[in-house]
PDB file of N, CA and C in Angstrom:
ATOM      1  N   GLY A   1     101.687  89.574  93.844  1.00  0.00           N
ATOM      2  CA  GLY A   1     102.989  88.799  94.654  1.00  0.00           C
ATOM      3  C   GLY A   1     103.006  89.978  95.994  1.00  0.00           C
ATOM      4  N   GLU A   2     103.121  90.029  96.780  1.00  0.00           N
ATOM      5  CA  GLU A   2     103.886  90.990  97.332  1.00  0.00           C
ATOM      6  C   GLU A   2     105.407  91.180  97.673  1.00  0.00           C
ATOM      7  N   GLY A   3     105.844  92.057  98.013  1.00  0.00           N
ATOM      8  CA  GLY A   3     107.714  92.054  98.168  1.00  0.00           C
ATOM      9  C   GLY A   3     107.943  90.649  99.227  1.00  0.00           C
ATOM     10  N   PHE A   4     109.100  90.387  98.362  1.00  0.00           N
ATOM     11  CA  PHE A   4     109.665  89.086  99.472  1.00  0.00           C
ATOM     12  C   PHE A   4     109.106  88.011  98.964  1.00  0.00           C
ATOM     13  N   ASP A   5     108.017  87.707  98.417  1.00  0.00           N
ATOM     14  CA  ASP A   5     107.182  86.467  98.491  1.00  0.00           C
ATOM     15  C   ASP A   5     107.961  85.681  97.313  1.00  0.00           C
ATOM     16  N   ILE A   6     107.410  84.521  97.450  1.00  0.00           N
ATOM     17  CA  ILE A   6     108.015  83.591  96.943  1.00  0.00           C
ATOM     18  C   ILE A   6     107.008  82.896  95.458  1.00  0.00           C
ATOM     19  N   MET A   7     107.356  83.433  94.244  1.00  0.00           N
ATOM     20  CA  MET A   7     106.206  82.536  93.341  1.00  0.00           C
ATOM     21  C   MET A   7     107.167  81.521  92.308  1.00  0.00           C
ATOM     22  N   VAL A   8     106.217  80.640  92.300  1.00  0.00           N
ATOM     23  CA  VAL A   8     107.059  79.293  90.843  1.00  0.00           C
ATOM     24  C   VAL A   8     105.578  80.105  89.827  1.00  0.00           C
ATOM     25  N   LEU A   9     106.681  80.129  88.883  1.00  0.00           N
ATOM     26  CA  LEU A   9     106.432  80.291  87.640  1.00  0.00           C
ATOM     27  C   LEU A   9     106.448  79.344  86.145  1.00  0.00           C
ATOM     28  N   ASP A  10     105.315  79.353  85.882  1.00  0.00           N
ATOM     29  CA  ASP A  10     104.999  77.811  84.822  1.00  0.00           C
ATOM     30  C   ASP A  10     106.329  77.759  83.263  1.00  0.00           C
ATOM     31  N   GLY A  11     106.846  76.630  83.721  1.00  0.00           N
ATOM     32  CA  GLY A  11     108.054  77.088  82.703  1.00  0.00           C
ATOM     33  C   GLY A  11     107.637  76.124  81.484  1.00  0.00           C
ATOM     34  N   GLY A  12     106.736  75.645  81.442  1.00  0.00           N
ATOM     35  CA  GLY A  12     105.923  74.290  80.527  1.00  0.00           C
ATOM     36  C   GLY A  12     106.369  73.288  80.951  1.00  0.00           C
ATOM     37  N   GLU A  13     106.255  72.163  80.013  1.00  0.00           N
ATOM     38  CA  GLU A  13     106.194  70.462  80.472  1.00  0.00           C
ATOM     39  C   GLU A  13     107.776  70.438  81.131  1.00  0.00           C
ATOM     40  N   GLU A  14     108.318  71.403  80.650  1.00  0.00           N
ATOM     41  CA  GLU A  14     109.743  70.927  81.269  1.00  0.00           C
ATOM     42  C   GLU A  14     109.959  71.051  82.970  1.00  0.00           C
ATOM     43  N   LYS A  15     109.200  72.091  83.324  1.00  0.00           N
ATOM     44  CA  LYS A  15     110.237  72.752  84.657  1.00  0.00           C
ATOM     45  C   LYS A  15     109.558  73.662  84.849  1.00  0.00           C
ATOM     46  N   ASP A  16     109.588  74.294  86.322  1.00  0.00           N
ATOM     47  CA  ASP A  16     108.802  75.304  86.719  1.00  0.00           C
ATOM     48  C   ASP A  16     109.934  76.132  87.155  1.00  0.00           C
ATOM     49  N   TYR A  17     109.832  77.047  88.030  1.00  0.00           N
ATOM     50  CA  TYR A  17     110.546  78.063  88.249  1.00  0.00           C
ATOM     51  C   TYR A  17     110.545  79.214  89.416  1.00  0.00           C
ATOM     52  N   MET A  18     111.018  78.849  90.191  1.00  0.00           N
ATOM     53  CA  MET A  18     110.987  79.460  91.980  1.00  0.00           C
ATOM     54  C   MET A  18     111.449  80.758  91.629  1.00  0.00           C
ATOM     55  N   LYS A  19     111.260  81.789  91.984  1.00  0.00           N
ATOM     56  CA  LYS A  19     111.688  83.056  92.373  1.00  0.00           C
ATOM     57  C   LYS A  19     111.041  83.673  93.579  1.00  0.00           C
ATOM     58  N   GLY A  20     111.847  84.121  94.073  1.00  0.00           N
ATOM     59  CA  GLY A  20     111.880  85.094  94.916  1.00  0.00           C
ATOM     60  C   GLY A  20     110.944  86.760  94.408  1.00  0.00           C
ATOM     61  N   VAL A  21     110.119  87.829  94.439  1.00  0.00           N
ATOM     62  CA  VAL A  21     109.609  88.887  94.623  1.00  0.00           C
ATOM     63  C   VAL A  21     110.592  89.818  94.570  1.00  0.00           C
ATOM     64  N   ILE A  22     110.693  90.993  94.454  1.00  0.00           N
ATOM     65  CA  ILE A  22     112.096  92.088  94.998  1.00  0.00           C
ATOM     66  C   ILE A  22     111.195  93.286  94.712  1.00  0.00           C
ATOM     67  N   GLY A  23     110.208  93.630  93.648  1.00  0.00           N
ATOM     68  CA  GLY A  23     109.992  95.038  93.992  1.00  0.00           C
ATOM     69  C   GLY A  23     108.162  94.554  93.304  1.00  0.00           C
ATOM     70  N   VAL A  24     107.837  95.174  93.757  1.00  0.00           N
ATOM     71  CA  VAL A  24     105.937  95.745  93.117  1.00  0.00           C
ATOM     72  C   VAL A  24     105.819  96.510  92.977  1.00  0.00           C
ATOM     73  N   GLY A  25     104.934  97.311  92.396  1.00  0.00           N
ATOM     74  CA  GLY A  25     104.509  98.092  91.477  1.00  0.00           C
ATOM     75  C   GLY A  25     104.934  99.859  92.054  1.00  0.00           C
ATOM     76  N   GLY A  26     105.488 100.264  91.488  1.00  0.00           N
ATOM     77  CA  GLY A  26     105.574 101.897  92.025  1.00  0.00           C
ATOM     78  C   GLY A  26     107.357 102.037  93.069  1.00  0.00           C
ATOM     79  N   GLU A  27     107.622 100.955  93.045  1.00  0.00           N
ATOM     80  CA  GLU A  27     108.780 100.641  93.929  1.00  0.00           C
ATOM     81  C   GLU A  27     109.953 100.828  93.199  1.00  0.00           C
ATOM     82  N   ARG A  28     111.226 101.527  93.563  1.00  0.00           N
ATOM     83  CA  ARG A  28     112.634 101.941  92.589  1.00  0.00           C
ATOM     84  C   ARG A  28     113.240 100.451  93.404  1.00  0.00           C
ATOM     85  N   VAL A  29     114.069  99.721  92.559  1.00  0.00           N
ATOM     86  CA  VAL A  29     115.114  98.930  93.008  1.00  0.00           C
ATOM     87  C   VAL A  29     116.395  98.885  92.284  1.00  0.00           C
ATOM     88  N   GLU A  30     117.310  98.555  93.022  1.00  0.00           N
ATOM     89  CA  GLU A  30     118.560  98.119  92.417  1.00  0.00           C
ATOM     90  C   GLU A  30     119.747  97.074  93.650  1.00  0.00           C
ATOM     91  N   TYR A  31     120.588  96.609  92.385  1.00  0.00           N
ATOM     92  CA  TYR A  31     121.236  95.604  93.869  1.00  0.00           C
ATOM     93  C   TYR A  31     122.510  95.784  93.527  1.00  0.00           C
ATOM     94  N   VAL A  32     123.352  97.038  94.385  1.00  0.00           N
ATOM     95  CA  VAL A  32     124.443  97.270  94.185  1.00  0.00           C
ATOM     96  C   VAL A  32     125.513  96.618  95.727  1.00  0.00           C
ATOM     97  N   SER A  33     126.870  96.467  94.760  1.00  0.00           N
ATOM     98  CA  SER A  33     128.039  95.332  95.436  1.00  0.00           C
ATOM     99  C   SER A  33     126.866  94.504  96.624  1.00  0.00           C
ATOM    100  N   GLU A  34     125.880  93.598  95.592  1.00  0.00           N
ATOM    101  CA  GLU A  34     126.078  92.111  96.347  1.00  0.00           C
ATOM    102  C   GLU A  34     124.639  92.257  97.788  1.00  0.00           C
ATOM    103  N   SER A  35     124.525  93.743  97.278  1.00  0.00           N
ATOM    104  CA  SER A  35     123.056  94.185  98.130  1.00  0.00           C
ATOM    105  C   SER A  35     121.734  94.599  97.693  1.00  0.00           C
ATOM    106  N   LEU A  36     120.362  94.032  98.253  1.00  0.00           N
ATOM    107  CA  LEU A  36     119.379  94.676  96.847  1.00  0.00           C
ATOM    108  C   LEU A  36     119.120  95.619  98.020  1.00  0.00           C
ATOM    109  N   TYR A  37     118.226  96.979  97.094  1.00  0.00           N
ATOM    110  CA  TYR A  37     118.076  98.123  97.633  1.00  0.00           C
ATOM    111  C   TYR A  37     116.390  98.075  97.240  1.00  0.00           C
ATOM    112  N   VAL A  38     115.171  98.243  98.052  1.00  0.00           N
ATOM    113  CA  VAL A  38     113.976  98.203  97.592  1.00  0.00           C
ATOM    114  C   VAL A  38     113.564  99.523  98.417  1.00  0.00           C
ATOM    115  N   LYS A  39     113.138 100.944  97.491  1.00  0.00           N
ATOM    116  CA  LYS A  39     112.873 102.154  97.738  1.00  0.00           C
ATOM    117  C   LYS A  39     113.929 102.325  98.711  1.00  0.00           C
ATOM    118  N   GLY A  40     115.018 102.469  98.384  1.00  0.00           N
ATOM    119  CA  GLY A  40     116.285 103.222  99.159  1.00  0.00           C
ATOM    120  C   GLY A  40     116.294 102.305 100.823  1.00  0.00           C
ATOM    121  N   LYS A  41     116.011 101.212 100.957  1.00  0.00           N
ATOM    122  CA  LYS A  41     116.275 100.323 101.853  1.00  0.00           C
ATOM    123  C   LYS A  41     116.965  99.614 101.435  1.00  0.00           C
ATOM    124  N   GLY A  42     118.206  99.296 102.272  1.00  0.00           N
ATOM    125  CA  GLY A  42     119.219  97.902 102.128  1.00  0.00           C
ATOM    126  C   GLY A  42     118.959  96.536 102.917  1.00  0.00           C
ATOM    127  N   TYR A  43     118.991  95.776 102.027  1.00  0.00           N
ATOM    128  CA  TYR A  43     118.834  94.353 102.475  1.00  0.00           C
ATOM    129  C   TYR A  43     120.322  93.148 102.217  1.00  0.00           C
ATOM    130  N   GLU A  44     121.036  93.031 102.801  1.00  0.00           N
ATOM    131  CA  GLU A  44     122.279  92.341 102.515  1.00  0.00           C
ATOM    132  C   GLU A  44     121.714  90.601 101.971  1.00  0.00           C
ATOM    133  N   GLU A  45     122.322  90.405 100.937  1.00  0.00           N
ATOM    134  CA  GLU A  45     122.330  88.819 100.624  1.00  0.00           C
ATOM    135  C   GLU A  45     123.221  88.188 101.272  1.00  0.00           C
ATOM    136  N   GLY A  46     123.317  87.765 102.332  1.00  0.00           N
ATOM    137  CA  GLY A  46     123.480  86.568 103.585  1.00  0.00           C
ATOM    138  C   GLY A  46     123.797  85.471 102.778  1.00  0.00           C
ATOM    139  N   TYR A  47     123.089  84.626 101.787  1.00  0.00           N
ATOM    140  CA  TYR A  47     122.873  84.010 101.493  1.00  0.00           C
ATOM    141  C   TYR A  47     124.502  83.701  99.802  1.00  0.00           C
ATOM    142  N   LEU A  48     124.765  84.997  99.809  1.00  0.00           N
ATOM    143  CA  LEU A  48     125.744  84.454  99.181  1.00  0.00           C
ATOM    144  C   LEU A  48     126.760  84.521  99.379  1.00  0.00           C
ATOM    145  N   GLU A  49     127.177  83.983 100.698  1.00  0.00           N
ATOM    146  CA  GLU A  49     128.795  83.911 101.218  1.00  0.00           C
ATOM    147  C   GLU A  49     128.727  82.410 100.981  1.00  0.00           C
ATOM    148  N   ARG A  50     128.463  81.390 101.062  1.00  0.00           N
ATOM    149  CA  ARG A  50     128.222  80.253 100.720  1.00  0.00           C
ATOM    150  C   ARG A  50     128.795  79.986  99.029  1.00  0.00           C
ATOM    151  N   TYR A  51     128.199  80.548  98.560  1.00  0.00           N
ATOM    152  CA  TYR A  51     129.132  81.340  97.133  1.00  0.00           C
ATOM    153  C   TYR A  51     130.567  81.879  96.726  1.00  0.00           C
ATOM    154  N   LYS A  52     130.544  82.566  97.370  1.00  0.00           N
ATOM    155  CA  LYS A  52     131.744  83.237  97.378  1.00  0.00           C
ATOM    156  C   LYS A  52     132.513  82.253  97.967  1.00  0.00           C
ATOM    157  N   GLU A  53     132.321  81.664  99.243  1.00  0.00           N
ATOM    158  CA  GLU A  53     133.549  80.818  99.943  1.00  0.00           C
ATOM    159  C   GLU A  53     133.655  79.364  98.237  1.00  0.00           C
ATOM    160  N   GLN A  54     132.330  79.220  97.884  1.00  0.00           N
ATOM    161  CA  GLN A  54     133.150  77.644  96.802  1.00  0.00           C
ATOM    162  C   GLN A  54     133.780  78.035  95.863  1.00  0.00           C
ATOM    163  N   THR A  55     133.859  79.758  95.333  1.00  0.00           N
ATOM    164  CA  THR A  55     133.911  79.906  94.076  1.00  0.00           C
ATOM    165  C   THR A  55     135.478  81.391  93.966  1.00  0.00           C
ATOM    166  N   GLY A  56     135.692  81.266  95.532  1.00  0.00           N
ATOM    167  CA  GLY A  56     136.388  82.469  96.110  1.00  0.00           C
ATOM    168  C   GLY A  56     137.004  83.778  95.972  1.00  0.00           C
ATOM    169  N   GLU A  57     137.094  84.434  95.491  1.00  0.00           N
ATOM    170  CA  GLU A  57     137.121  85.599  95.679  1.00  0.00           C
ATOM    171  C   GLU A  57     135.980  86.536  94.388  1.00  0.00           C
ATOM    172  N   GLY A  58     135.877  87.539  95.014  1.00  0.00           N
ATOM    173  CA  GLY A  58     135.107  88.810  93.726  1.00  0.00           C
ATOM    174  C   GLY A  58     133.222  88.806  93.602  1.00  0.00           C
ATOM    175  N   PRO A  59     132.511  89.086  93.150  1.00  0.00           N
ATOM    176  CA  PRO A  59     131.601  89.096  93.383  1.00  0.00           C
ATOM    177  C   PRO A  59     131.003  88.431  92.640  1.00  0.00           C
ATOM    178  N   VAL A  60     129.075  87.796  93.104  1.00  0.00           N
ATOM    179  CA  VAL A  60     128.998  86.779  92.628  1.00  0.00           C
ATOM    180  C   VAL A  60     127.839  87.168  91.673  1.00  0.00           C
ATOM    181  N   SER A  61     127.435  88.067  91.625  1.00  0.00           N
ATOM    182  CA  SER A  61     126.081  88.396  90.998  1.00  0.00           C
ATOM    183  C   SER A  61     126.876  90.269  90.746  1.00  0.00           C
ATOM    184  N   GLU A  62     126.243  90.147  89.524  1.00  0.00           N
ATOM    185  CA  GLU A  62     126.366  92.117  88.890  1.00  0.00           C
ATOM    186  C   GLU A  62     125.303  92.674  89.134  1.00  0.00           C
ATOM    187  N   ASP A  63     126.412  94.303  89.423  1.00  0.00           N
ATOM    188  CA  ASP A  63     124.606  95.288  90.090  1.00  0.00           C
ATOM    189  C   ASP A  63     124.055  95.126  88.909  1.00  0.00           C
ATOM    190  N   PHE A  64     122.977  95.966  89.035  1.00  0.00           N
ATOM    191  CA  PHE A  64     122.126  96.196  88.350  1.00  0.00           C
ATOM    192  C   PHE A  64     121.271  97.456  88.669  1.00  0.00           C
ATOM    193  N   ARG A  65     120.559  98.468  87.858  1.00  0.00           N
ATOM    194  CA  ARG A  65     119.398  98.993  88.198  1.00  0.00           C
ATOM    195  C   ARG A  65     118.171  98.978  87.598  1.00  0.00           C
ATOM    196  N   LEU A  66     117.248  99.081  88.185  1.00  0.00           N
ATOM    197  CA  LEU A  66     116.064  98.621  87.072  1.00  0.00           C
ATOM    198  C   LEU A  66     116.008 100.064  86.191  1.00  0.00           C
ATOM    199  N   GLU A  67     116.254 101.400  86.325  1.00  0.00           N
ATOM    200  CA  GLU A  67     116.471 101.782  85.055  1.00  0.00           C
ATOM    201  C   GLU A  67     117.051 101.807  83.758  1.00  0.00           C
ATOM    202  N   GLU A  68     118.784 100.976  84.257  1.00  0.00           N
ATOM    203  CA  GLU A  68     119.389 100.506  83.144  1.00  0.00           C
ATOM    204  C   GLU A  68     118.845  99.040  82.571  1.00  0.00           C
ATOM    205  N   ILE A  69     118.253  98.432  82.855  1.00  0.00           N
ATOM    206  CA  ILE A  69     117.499  97.159  82.302  1.00  0.00           C
ATOM    207  C   ILE A  69     116.391  97.571  81.407  1.00  0.00           C
ATOM    208  N   ARG A  70     114.945  98.713  82.449  1.00  0.00           N
ATOM    209  CA  ARG A  70     113.655  99.002  81.350  1.00  0.00           C
ATOM    210  C   ARG A  70     113.814 100.076  80.725  1.00  0.00           C
ATOM    211  N   GLY A  71     114.840 101.272  81.600  1.00  0.00           N
ATOM    212  CA  GLY A  71     114.551 102.597  81.277  1.00  0.00           C
ATOM    213  C   GLY A  71     113.280 103.058  82.186  1.00  0.00           C
ATOM    214  N   GLU A  72     112.872 102.770  82.882  1.00  0.00           N
ATOM    215  CA  GLU A  72     112.357 103.044  83.958  1.00  0.00           C
ATOM    216  C   GLU A  72     112.762 103.195  85.447  1.00  0.00           C
ATOM    217  N   LYS A  73     112.588 103.781  86.084  1.00  0.00           N
ATOM    218  CA  LYS A  73     113.271 103.812  87.401  1.00  0.00           C
ATOM    219  C   LYS A  73     112.376 102.602  88.709  1.00  0.00           C
ATOM    220  N   SER A  74     111.001 103.067  88.501  1.00  0.00           N
ATOM    221  CA  SER A  74     110.110 102.131  89.246  1.00  0.00           C
ATOM    222  C   SER A  74     109.127 100.869  88.643  1.00  0.00           C
ATOM    223  N   VAL A  75     109.209  99.693  88.993  1.00  0.00           N
ATOM    224  CA  VAL A  75     108.144  99.124  88.658  1.00  0.00           C
ATOM    225  C   VAL A  75     107.080  99.499  88.615  1.00  0.00           C
ATOM    226  N   ARG A  76     106.547  98.790  87.337  1.00  0.00           N
ATOM    227  CA  ARG A  76     105.160  99.371  86.922  1.00  0.00           C
ATOM    228  C   ARG A  76     104.321  98.913  87.488  1.00  0.00           C
ATOM    229  N   GLU A  77     103.101 100.177  87.878  1.00  0.00           N
ATOM    230  CA  GLU A  77     101.708  99.647  88.339  1.00  0.00           C
ATOM    231  C   GLU A  77     101.002  98.379  87.973  1.00  0.00           C
ATOM    232  N   GLY A  78     100.492  97.161  89.394  1.00  0.00           N
ATOM    233  CA  GLY A  78     100.222  96.090  88.691  1.00  0.00           C
ATOM    234  C   GLY A  78     101.267  95.080  88.073  1.00  0.00           C
ATOM    235  N   GLU A  79     102.957  94.798  88.012  1.00  0.00           N
ATOM    236  CA  GLU A  79     103.797  94.209  87.677  1.00  0.00           C
ATOM    237  C   GLU A  79     104.800  94.302  89.117  1.00  0.00           C
ATOM    238  N   VAL A  80     105.258  93.172  88.880  1.00  0.00           N
ATOM    239  CA  VAL A  80     106.472  92.655  89.766  1.00  0.00           C
ATOM    240  C   VAL A  80     107.393  92.734  89.347  1.00  0.00           C
ATOM    241  N   LEU A  81     108.474  92.093  90.060  1.00  0.00           N
ATOM    242  CA  LEU A  81     110.258  92.287  89.675  1.00  0.00           C
ATOM    243  C   LEU A  81     110.439  90.812  90.636  1.00  0.00           C
ATOM    244  N   VAL A  82     111.337  89.959  89.856  1.00  0.00           N
ATOM    245  CA  VAL A  82     111.245  88.627  90.323  1.00  0.00           C
ATOM    246  C   VAL A  82     112.871  87.912  90.359  1.00  0.00           C
ATOM    247  N   MET A  83     113.487  87.788  91.177  1.00  0.00           N
ATOM    248  CA  MET A  83     114.463  87.331  90.703  1.00  0.00           C
ATOM    249  C   MET A  83     115.073  86.049  91.201  1.00  0.00           C
ATOM    250  N   GLY A  84     116.027  85.255  91.028  1.00  0.00           N
ATOM    251  CA  GLY A  84     115.914  83.848  91.442  1.00  0.00           C
ATOM    252  C   GLY A  84     117.659  83.120  90.650  1.00  0.00           C
ATOM    253  N   GLU A  85     118.027  82.213  90.977  1.00  0.00           N
ATOM    254  CA  GLU A  85     118.592  81.183  90.057  1.00  0.00           C
ATOM    255  C   GLU A  85     117.502  80.383  89.206  1.00  0.00           C
ATOM    256  N   LYS A  86     118.636  80.698  88.459  1.00  0.00           N
ATOM    257  CA  LYS A  86     118.048  79.778  86.586  1.00  0.00           C
ATOM    258  C   LYS A  86     116.892  80.257  86.995  1.00  0.00           C
TER     259      LYS A  86
END
């Protein structure tokens, strides 16, 4: 997949999972203050507003940096990084 494509991942007989591609090989990815950063460019996550309204105040999702999760600053070549609800 390419950045911001939608992928359907096979969850076996029970369920499939739709995920958005947020990074491809060689890209540095981080999520800070409810904004996604790919190669240093910020993308606001506007869809989170409806969740904020439902839950009240405070962040809806946690910050992360790819380096903290995998120990690498960028997505590995030939791989994609996906994100989505459950």
